[in-house]
Amino acid sequence: MRVSHFILSHPGRRKVNEDYVFPEHVNGHLAQTYVVCDGVGGGNRGDIASAMICRSLGHQLSLADHIDEEAIEEALNEAETELRNHSTEFPESRGMATTVVGFHPTSEAEGLVYWVGDSRLYHLRDGEILFRTKDHSLVQMMIDNGEITEEQAEKNSARNVILQAISDSKRQATPEIHRLTDIQSGDRILLMTDGILEGCSENQLVELFKGDSKKATSEIRSLCEEKSSDNFSMIAIEIEEGK
């Protein structure tokens, strides 16, 4: 799968950027795997948690010969174990946690998506959302139960409460894994932390990525710098023709 990717990661109005992305270079082609993490706000050393999990998954999956659903779960378990070991060695870091969303191409037209928490992935084509991850969050549960609408969720006081994260606790995270199929040239795959959606609506995202991906990424940065109070990070992947 040949791609162009464009990366945005910014602390926003906060002193520390607790988001982390893999790969770390700003743009390029032919990356083997993509990961975005968001250190849990209010937790101890969320920046360390997001960096450790992101790097661990990125390196494990980039070096693997074959990736399937089982391999994704094993990589997540290994990364979580590394986090626990770090917390044991450095007790001042106890309580750290992070969300994660990742995309790993498995063939010219398919790839695996996995996530824990409320960092998201969108698969776009010609201005339409073909797939969107479902947040592991309190407001998403309320939407599913018919208690609030998607529009109401955007302003709900519990919108930042997540139900799952990768953490150093004994409770093992349960990732969701989904296989994207029929990926075509021109499709866009976007991975992002929730800070992006503080500054840019879902409709704006879709509209902007009808055009040039590099320009869209730049415009989203401007919107988030103006409106988002959180760290904001995104990897924008554009599928190209050829291998």
C-alpha atoms as a PDB file:
ATOM      1  CA  MET A   1       0.000   0.000   0.000  1.00  0.00           C
ATOM      2  CA  ARG A   2       1.527   3.317  -1.086  1.00  0.00           C
ATOM      3  CA  VAL A   3       0.506   6.362   0.922  1.00  0.00           C
ATOM      4  CA  SER A   4       1.329   9.934   1.789  1.00  0.00           C
ATOM      5  CA  HIS A   5       0.977  10.835   5.443  1.00  0.00           C
ATOM      6  CA  PHE A   6       0.902  14.167   7.217  1.00  0.00           C
ATOM      7  CA  ILE A   7       1.393  14.544  10.966  1.00  0.00           C
ATOM      8  CA  LEU A   8       0.192  17.182  13.399  1.00  0.00           C
ATOM      9  CA  SER A   9       0.935  17.171  17.151  1.00  0.00           C
ATOM     10  CA  HIS A  10       0.660  20.304  19.279  1.00  0.00           C
ATOM     11  CA  PRO A  11       0.334  21.062  23.014  1.00  0.00           C
ATOM     12  CA  GLY A  12      -2.409  23.604  22.350  1.00  0.00           C
ATOM     13  CA  ARG A  13      -2.915  25.857  25.370  1.00  0.00           C
ATOM     14  CA  ARG A  14      -1.285  23.404  27.758  1.00  0.00           C
ATOM     15  CA  LYS A  15       2.329  23.399  28.929  1.00  0.00           C
ATOM     16  CA  VAL A  16       2.922  19.687  28.283  1.00  0.00           C
ATOM     17  CA  ASN A  17       1.935  17.723  25.188  1.00  0.00           C
ATOM     18  CA  GLU A  18       0.622  14.392  26.490  1.00  0.00           C
ATOM     19  CA  ASP A  19      -0.190  13.209  22.955  1.00  0.00           C
ATOM     20  CA  TYR A  20       2.248  11.049  20.996  1.00  0.00           C
ATOM     21  CA  VAL A  21       2.292   9.799  17.415  1.00  0.00           C
ATOM     22  CA  PHE A  22       4.131   7.109  15.462  1.00  0.00           C
ATOM     23  CA  PRO A  23       5.866   7.566  13.056  1.00  0.00           C
ATOM     24  CA  GLU A  24       7.396  10.703  14.484  1.00  0.00           C
ATOM     25  CA  HIS A  25       8.476  12.378  11.231  1.00  0.00           C
ATOM     26  CA  VAL A  26       6.120  15.003   9.847  1.00  0.00           C
ATOM     27  CA  ASN A  27       5.373  13.513   6.443  1.00  0.00           C
ATOM     28  CA  GLY A  28       6.441  10.632   4.258  1.00  0.00           C
ATOM     29  CA  HIS A  29       5.545   7.470   2.358  1.00  0.00           C
ATOM     30  CA  LEU A  30       5.317   3.752   3.023  1.00  0.00           C
ATOM     31  CA  ALA A  31       5.175   3.760   6.824  1.00  0.00           C
ATOM     32  CA  GLN A  32       4.429   0.236   8.015  1.00  0.00           C
ATOM     33  CA  THR A  33       2.176   1.176  10.915  1.00  0.00           C
ATOM     34  CA  TYR A  34       0.495   4.225  12.464  1.00  0.00           C
ATOM     35  CA  VAL A  35      -0.314   4.915  16.125  1.00  0.00           C
ATOM     36  CA  VAL A  36      -1.785   7.889  18.007  1.00  0.00           C
ATOM     37  CA  CYS A  37      -1.956   8.052  21.828  1.00  0.00           C
ATOM     38  CA  ASP A  38      -3.414  10.588  24.252  1.00  0.00           C
ATOM     39  CA  GLY A  39      -2.126  10.524  27.836  1.00  0.00           C
ATOM     40  CA  VAL A  40      -5.115  10.558  30.154  1.00  0.00           C
ATOM     41  CA  GLY A  41      -5.732  14.041  31.526  1.00  0.00           C
ATOM     42  CA  GLY A  42      -5.480  14.285  35.286  1.00  0.00           C
ATOM     43  CA  GLY A  43      -3.466  11.073  35.446  1.00  0.00           C
ATOM     44  CA  ASN A  44       0.114  10.954  36.652  1.00  0.00           C
ATOM     45  CA  ARG A  45       2.645  11.364  33.800  1.00  0.00           C
ATOM     46  CA  GLY A  46       0.286  10.877  30.906  1.00  0.00           C
ATOM     47  CA  ASP A  47       3.089  12.078  28.626  1.00  0.00           C
ATOM     48  CA  ILE A  48       5.237   9.090  29.622  1.00  0.00           C
ATOM     49  CA  ALA A  49       2.352   6.651  29.186  1.00  0.00           C
ATOM     50  CA  SER A  50       1.470   7.885  25.697  1.00  0.00           C
ATOM     51  CA  ALA A  51       5.106   7.898  24.549  1.00  0.00           C
ATOM     52  CA  MET A  52       5.835   4.413  25.915  1.00  0.00           C
ATOM     53  CA  ILE A  53       2.732   2.777  24.448  1.00  0.00           C
ATOM     54  CA  CYS A  54       3.032   4.561  21.108  1.00  0.00           C
ATOM     55  CA  ARG A  55       6.700   3.687  20.626  1.00  0.00           C
ATOM     56  CA  SER A  56       6.240   0.111  21.802  1.00  0.00           C
ATOM     57  CA  LEU A  57       3.359  -0.580  19.422  1.00  0.00           C
ATOM     58  CA  GLY A  58       5.029   1.252  16.565  1.00  0.00           C
ATOM     59  CA  HIS A  59       8.275  -0.673  16.882  1.00  0.00           C
ATOM     60  CA  GLN A  60       6.672  -4.077  17.524  1.00  0.00           C
ATOM     61  CA  LEU A  61       4.271  -3.867  14.598  1.00  0.00           C
ATOM     62  CA  SER A  62       6.790  -2.320  12.198  1.00  0.00           C
ATOM     63  CA  LEU A  63       9.202  -5.211  12.743  1.00  0.00           C
ATOM     64  CA  ALA A  64       6.666  -8.068  12.648  1.00  0.00           C
ATOM     65  CA  ASP A  65       6.549 -10.367   9.614  1.00  0.00           C
ATOM     66  CA  HIS A  66       2.801 -10.979   9.773  1.00  0.00           C
ATOM     67  CA  ILE A  67       0.085  -8.966  11.479  1.00  0.00           C
ATOM     68  CA  ASP A  68      -3.410 -10.228  12.261  1.00  0.00           C
ATOM     69  CA  GLU A  69      -5.902  -9.599  15.062  1.00  0.00           C
ATOM     70  CA  GLU A  70      -4.043 -11.902  17.447  1.00  0.00           C
ATOM     71  CA  ALA A  71      -0.737 -10.140  16.774  1.00  0.00           C
ATOM     72  CA  ILE A  72      -2.351  -6.771  17.533  1.00  0.00           C
ATOM     73  CA  GLU A  73      -3.638  -8.065  20.876  1.00  0.00           C
ATOM     74  CA  GLU A  74      -0.228  -9.531  21.737  1.00  0.00           C
ATOM     75  CA  ALA A  75       1.507  -6.243  20.911  1.00  0.00           C
ATOM     76  CA  LEU A  76      -0.942  -4.312  23.097  1.00  0.00           C
ATOM     77  CA  ASN A  77      -0.426  -6.752  25.974  1.00  0.00           C
ATOM     78  CA  GLU A  78       3.349  -6.427  25.657  1.00  0.00           C
ATOM     79  CA  ALA A  79       3.121  -2.626  25.618  1.00  0.00           C
ATOM     80  CA  GLU A  80       0.864  -2.651  28.670  1.00  0.00           C
ATOM     81  CA  THR A  81       3.327  -4.915  30.499  1.00  0.00           C
ATOM     82  CA  GLU A  82       6.139  -2.461  29.733  1.00  0.00           C
ATOM     83  CA  LEU A  83       4.024   0.317  31.258  1.00  0.00           C
ATOM     84  CA  ARG A  84       3.424  -1.687  34.431  1.00  0.00           C
ATOM     85  CA  ASN A  85       7.119  -2.518  34.732  1.00  0.00           C
ATOM     86  CA  HIS A  86       8.011   1.161  34.409  1.00  0.00           C
ATOM     87  CA  SER A  87       5.476   2.074  37.095  1.00  0.00           C
ATOM     88  CA  THR A  88       6.955  -0.542  39.435  1.00  0.00           C
ATOM     89  CA  GLU A  89      10.473   0.781  38.869  1.00  0.00           C
ATOM     90  CA  PHE A  90       9.407   4.430  39.180  1.00  0.00           C
ATOM     91  CA  PRO A  91       6.583   4.606  41.767  1.00  0.00           C
ATOM     92  CA  GLU A  92       6.150   8.345  41.190  1.00  0.00           C
ATOM     93  CA  SER A  93       4.611   7.443  37.813  1.00  0.00           C
ATOM     94  CA  ARG A  94       1.906   5.173  39.214  1.00  0.00           C
ATOM     95  CA  GLY A  95      -1.560   5.829  37.857  1.00  0.00           C
ATOM     96  CA  MET A  96      -0.415   6.763  34.365  1.00  0.00           C
ATOM     97  CA  ALA A  97      -2.643   5.814  31.439  1.00  0.00           C
ATOM     98  CA  THR A  98      -3.274   6.582  27.781  1.00  0.00           C
ATOM     99  CA  THR A  99      -5.778   6.069  25.002  1.00  0.00           C
ATOM    100  CA  VAL A 100      -4.615   4.524  21.733  1.00  0.00           C
ATOM    101  CA  VAL A 101      -5.795   4.241  18.151  1.00  0.00           C
ATOM    102  CA  GLY A 102      -3.799   2.510  15.434  1.00  0.00           C
ATOM    103  CA  PHE A 103      -3.898   1.509  11.785  1.00  0.00           C
ATOM    104  CA  HIS A 104      -1.772  -1.218  10.224  1.00  0.00           C
ATOM    105  CA  PRO A 105      -1.976  -1.902   6.453  1.00  0.00           C
ATOM    106  CA  THR A 106      -2.113  -5.655   5.799  1.00  0.00           C
ATOM    107  CA  SER A 107      -2.439  -5.665   1.995  1.00  0.00           C
ATOM    108  CA  GLU A 108      -2.971  -3.277  -0.909  1.00  0.00           C
ATOM    109  CA  ALA A 109      -6.668  -2.901  -0.051  1.00  0.00           C
ATOM    110  CA  GLU A 110      -6.989  -3.878   3.616  1.00  0.00           C
ATOM    111  CA  GLY A 111      -5.783  -2.844   7.044  1.00  0.00           C
ATOM    112  CA  LEU A 112      -6.450  -3.412  10.736  1.00  0.00           C
ATOM    113  CA  VAL A 113      -7.791  -0.698  13.035  1.00  0.00           C
ATOM    114  CA  TYR A 114      -7.534  -1.039  16.818  1.00  0.00           C
ATOM    115  CA  TRP A 115      -8.419   1.313  19.641  1.00  0.00           C
ATOM    116  CA  VAL A 116      -8.884   1.779  23.384  1.00  0.00           C
ATOM    117  CA  GLY A 117     -10.489   4.962  24.733  1.00  0.00           C
ATOM    118  CA  ASP A 118     -11.720   7.976  22.778  1.00  0.00           C
ATOM    119  CA  SER A 119      -8.964   8.610  20.237  1.00  0.00           C
ATOM    120  CA  ARG A 120     -10.550   8.089  16.824  1.00  0.00           C
ATOM    121  CA  LEU A 121     -10.012   6.836  13.302  1.00  0.00           C
ATOM    122  CA  TYR A 122     -12.031   7.885  10.255  1.00  0.00           C
ATOM    123  CA  HIS A 123     -12.027   6.219   6.828  1.00  0.00           C
ATOM    124  CA  LEU A 124     -13.173   8.795   4.255  1.00  0.00           C
ATOM    125  CA  ARG A 125     -13.956   8.583   0.553  1.00  0.00           C
ATOM    126  CA  ASP A 126     -15.314  11.369  -1.655  1.00  0.00           C
ATOM    127  CA  GLY A 127     -16.655  13.328   1.289  1.00  0.00           C
ATOM    128  CA  GLU A 128     -18.326  10.383   3.010  1.00  0.00           C
ATOM    129  CA  ILE A 129     -17.465   8.564   6.236  1.00  0.00           C
ATOM    130  CA  LEU A 130     -17.094   4.856   5.429  1.00  0.00           C
ATOM    131  CA  PHE A 131     -16.021   3.902   8.956  1.00  0.00           C
ATOM    132  CA  ARG A 132     -15.542   5.631  12.298  1.00  0.00           C
ATOM    133  CA  THR A 133     -14.362   4.079  15.536  1.00  0.00           C
ATOM    134  CA  LYS A 134     -16.816   4.166  18.435  1.00  0.00           C
ATOM    135  CA  ASP A 135     -15.442   5.850  21.561  1.00  0.00           C
ATOM    136  CA  HIS A 136     -15.076   3.952  24.815  1.00  0.00           C
ATOM    137  CA  SER A 137     -16.625   6.861  26.698  1.00  0.00           C
ATOM    138  CA  LEU A 138     -19.484   7.705  29.017  1.00  0.00           C
ATOM    139  CA  VAL A 139     -21.228   9.949  26.496  1.00  0.00           C
ATOM    140  CA  GLN A 140     -21.004   7.237  23.801  1.00  0.00           C
ATOM    141  CA  MET A 141     -22.657   4.809  26.207  1.00  0.00           C
ATOM    142  CA  MET A 142     -25.366   7.418  26.837  1.00  0.00           C
ATOM    143  CA  ILE A 143     -25.865   7.803  23.074  1.00  0.00           C
ATOM    144  CA  ASP A 144     -26.121   4.033  22.646  1.00  0.00           C
ATOM    145  CA  ASN A 145     -28.714   3.910  25.444  1.00  0.00           C
ATOM    146  CA  GLY A 146     -30.776   6.648  23.791  1.00  0.00           C
ATOM    147  CA  GLU A 147     -30.247   9.076  26.687  1.00  0.00           C
ATOM    148  CA  ILE A 148     -28.648  11.845  24.594  1.00  0.00           C
ATOM    149  CA  THR A 149     -28.019  12.642  20.916  1.00  0.00           C
ATOM    150  CA  GLU A 150     -24.636  13.011  19.195  1.00  0.00           C
ATOM    151  CA  GLU A 151     -25.179  16.778  19.136  1.00  0.00           C
ATOM    152  CA  GLN A 152     -25.937  16.883  22.866  1.00  0.00           C
ATOM    153  CA  ALA A 153     -22.851  14.770  23.583  1.00  0.00           C
ATOM    154  CA  GLU A 154     -20.582  17.504  22.190  1.00  0.00           C
ATOM    155  CA  LYS A 155     -21.588  19.840  25.036  1.00  0.00           C
ATOM    156  CA  ASN A 156     -22.216  17.275  27.772  1.00  0.00           C
ATOM    157  CA  SER A 157     -20.195  17.808  30.960  1.00  0.00           C
ATOM    158  CA  ALA A 158     -19.136  14.132  30.882  1.00  0.00           C
ATOM    159  CA  ARG A 159     -17.768  14.258  27.325  1.00  0.00           C
ATOM    160  CA  ASN A 160     -14.166  13.697  28.488  1.00  0.00           C
ATOM    161  CA  VAL A 161     -14.918  10.702  30.728  1.00  0.00           C
ATOM    162  CA  ILE A 162     -13.513   7.525  29.178  1.00  0.00           C
ATOM    163  CA  LEU A 163     -14.416   3.983  30.180  1.00  0.00           C
ATOM    164  CA  GLN A 164     -11.194   2.308  29.044  1.00  0.00           C
ATOM    165  CA  ALA A 165      -7.513   3.131  28.720  1.00  0.00           C
ATOM    166  CA  ILE A 166      -4.145   1.416  28.526  1.00  0.00           C
ATOM    167  CA  SER A 167      -2.832   1.774  32.070  1.00  0.00           C
ATOM    168  CA  ASP A 168      -0.423   0.432  34.673  1.00  0.00           C
ATOM    169  CA  SER A 169      -3.279  -1.087  36.697  1.00  0.00           C
ATOM    170  CA  LYS A 170      -3.927  -4.817  36.978  1.00  0.00           C
ATOM    171  CA  ARG A 171      -7.078  -4.433  34.887  1.00  0.00           C
ATOM    172  CA  GLN A 172      -6.273  -5.477  31.320  1.00  0.00           C
ATOM    173  CA  ALA A 173      -7.584  -3.195  28.598  1.00  0.00           C
ATOM    174  CA  THR A 174      -9.895  -4.768  26.021  1.00  0.00           C
ATOM    175  CA  PRO A 175      -9.177  -3.310  22.582  1.00  0.00           C
ATOM    176  CA  GLU A 176     -11.633  -3.246  19.726  1.00  0.00           C
ATOM    177  CA  ILE A 177     -10.204  -4.433  16.415  1.00  0.00           C
ATOM    178  CA  HIS A 178     -11.785  -3.860  13.007  1.00  0.00           C
ATOM    179  CA  ARG A 179     -10.608  -4.812   9.520  1.00  0.00           C
ATOM    180  CA  LEU A 180     -10.946  -2.140   6.834  1.00  0.00           C
ATOM    181  CA  THR A 181     -11.565  -3.648   3.393  1.00  0.00           C
ATOM    182  CA  ASP A 182     -11.812  -2.234  -0.126  1.00  0.00           C
ATOM    183  CA  ILE A 183      -9.373   0.601   0.602  1.00  0.00           C
ATOM    184  CA  GLN A 184      -9.002   2.551  -2.631  1.00  0.00           C
ATOM    185  CA  SER A 185      -6.715   5.153  -4.147  1.00  0.00           C
ATOM    186  CA  GLY A 186      -7.790   8.603  -2.969  1.00  0.00           C
ATOM    187  CA  ASP A 187      -9.224   7.375   0.335  1.00  0.00           C
ATOM    188  CA  ARG A 188      -8.204   9.224   3.500  1.00  0.00           C
ATOM    189  CA  ILE A 189      -7.602   7.529   6.836  1.00  0.00           C
ATOM    190  CA  LEU A 190      -7.412   9.912   9.785  1.00  0.00           C
ATOM    191  CA  LEU A 191      -6.198   9.028  13.289  1.00  0.00           C
ATOM    192  CA  MET A 192      -6.660  11.675  15.980  1.00  0.00           C
ATOM    193  CA  THR A 193      -6.901  12.579  19.640  1.00  0.00           C
ATOM    194  CA  ASP A 194     -10.052  14.188  21.009  1.00  0.00           C
ATOM    195  CA  GLY A 195      -8.385  17.616  21.020  1.00  0.00           C
ATOM    196  CA  ILE A 196      -8.788  17.745  17.229  1.00  0.00           C
ATOM    197  CA  LEU A 197     -12.555  17.511  17.567  1.00  0.00           C
ATOM    198  CA  GLU A 198     -12.558  20.353  20.110  1.00  0.00           C
ATOM    199  CA  GLY A 199     -11.349  22.685  17.405  1.00  0.00           C
ATOM    200  CA  CYS A 200     -12.833  21.109  14.297  1.00  0.00           C
ATOM    201  CA  SER A 201     -16.235  19.498  13.827  1.00  0.00           C
ATOM    202  CA  GLU A 202     -16.702  16.150  12.142  1.00  0.00           C
ATOM    203  CA  ASN A 203     -18.407  17.888   9.210  1.00  0.00           C
ATOM    204  CA  GLN A 204     -15.461  20.266   8.843  1.00  0.00           C
ATOM    205  CA  LEU A 205     -13.038  17.335   8.840  1.00  0.00           C
ATOM    206  CA  VAL A 206     -14.927  15.597   6.060  1.00  0.00           C
ATOM    207  CA  GLU A 207     -15.199  18.783   4.006  1.00  0.00           C
ATOM    208  CA  LEU A 208     -11.537  19.747   4.385  1.00  0.00           C
ATOM    209  CA  PHE A 209     -10.296  16.305   3.356  1.00  0.00           C
ATOM    210  CA  LYS A 210     -12.175  16.432   0.080  1.00  0.00           C
ATOM    211  CA  GLY A 211      -9.192  18.515  -0.996  1.00  0.00           C
ATOM    212  CA  ASP A 212      -5.430  18.428  -0.532  1.00  0.00           C
ATOM    213  CA  SER A 213      -4.455  16.506   2.614  1.00  0.00           C
ATOM    214  CA  LYS A 214      -1.427  18.660   3.436  1.00  0.00           C
ATOM    215  CA  LYS A 215      -3.496  21.834   3.181  1.00  0.00           C
ATOM    216  CA  ALA A 216      -6.324  20.264   5.208  1.00  0.00           C
ATOM    217  CA  THR A 217      -3.898  19.321   7.989  1.00  0.00           C
ATOM    218  CA  SER A 218      -2.577  22.885   8.086  1.00  0.00           C
ATOM    219  CA  GLU A 219      -6.091  24.349   8.240  1.00  0.00           C
ATOM    220  CA  ILE A 220      -7.052  21.975  11.056  1.00  0.00           C
ATOM    221  CA  ARG A 221      -4.002  23.113  13.021  1.00  0.00           C
ATOM    222  CA  SER A 222      -5.156  26.726  12.677  1.00  0.00           C
ATOM    223  CA  LEU A 223      -8.685  25.857  13.827  1.00  0.00           C
ATOM    224  CA  CYS A 224      -7.418  23.901  16.826  1.00  0.00           C
ATOM    225  CA  GLU A 225      -4.940  26.599  17.854  1.00  0.00           C
ATOM    226  CA  GLU A 226      -7.883  28.993  17.980  1.00  0.00           C
ATOM    227  CA  LYS A 227     -10.545  26.800  19.592  1.00  0.00           C
ATOM    228  CA  SER A 228      -9.085  23.754  21.344  1.00  0.00           C
ATOM    229  CA  SER A 229      -8.095  23.876  25.022  1.00  0.00           C
ATOM    230  CA  ASP A 230      -6.485  20.417  24.855  1.00  0.00           C
ATOM    231  CA  ASN A 231      -3.414  18.949  23.185  1.00  0.00           C
ATOM    232  CA  PHE A 232      -4.288  18.018  19.611  1.00  0.00           C
ATOM    233  CA  SER A 233      -2.669  15.427  17.334  1.00  0.00           C
ATOM    234  CA  MET A 234      -3.523  13.758  14.045  1.00  0.00           C
ATOM    235  CA  ILE A 235      -2.060  11.530  11.351  1.00  0.00           C
ATOM    236  CA  ALA A 236      -3.692  12.066   7.951  1.00  0.00           C
ATOM    237  CA  ILE A 237      -3.052   9.195   5.526  1.00  0.00           C
ATOM    238  CA  GLU A 238      -3.858   9.545   1.826  1.00  0.00           C
ATOM    239  CA  ILE A 239      -3.919   6.335  -0.206  1.00  0.00           C
ATOM    240  CA  GLU A 240      -2.009   6.619  -3.484  1.00  0.00           C
ATOM    241  CA  GLU A 241      -2.025   4.576  -6.673  1.00  0.00           C
ATOM    242  CA  GLY A 242       0.568   1.858  -7.100  1.00  0.00           C
ATOM    243  CA  LYS A 243       2.530  -0.316  -4.702  1.00  0.00           C
END
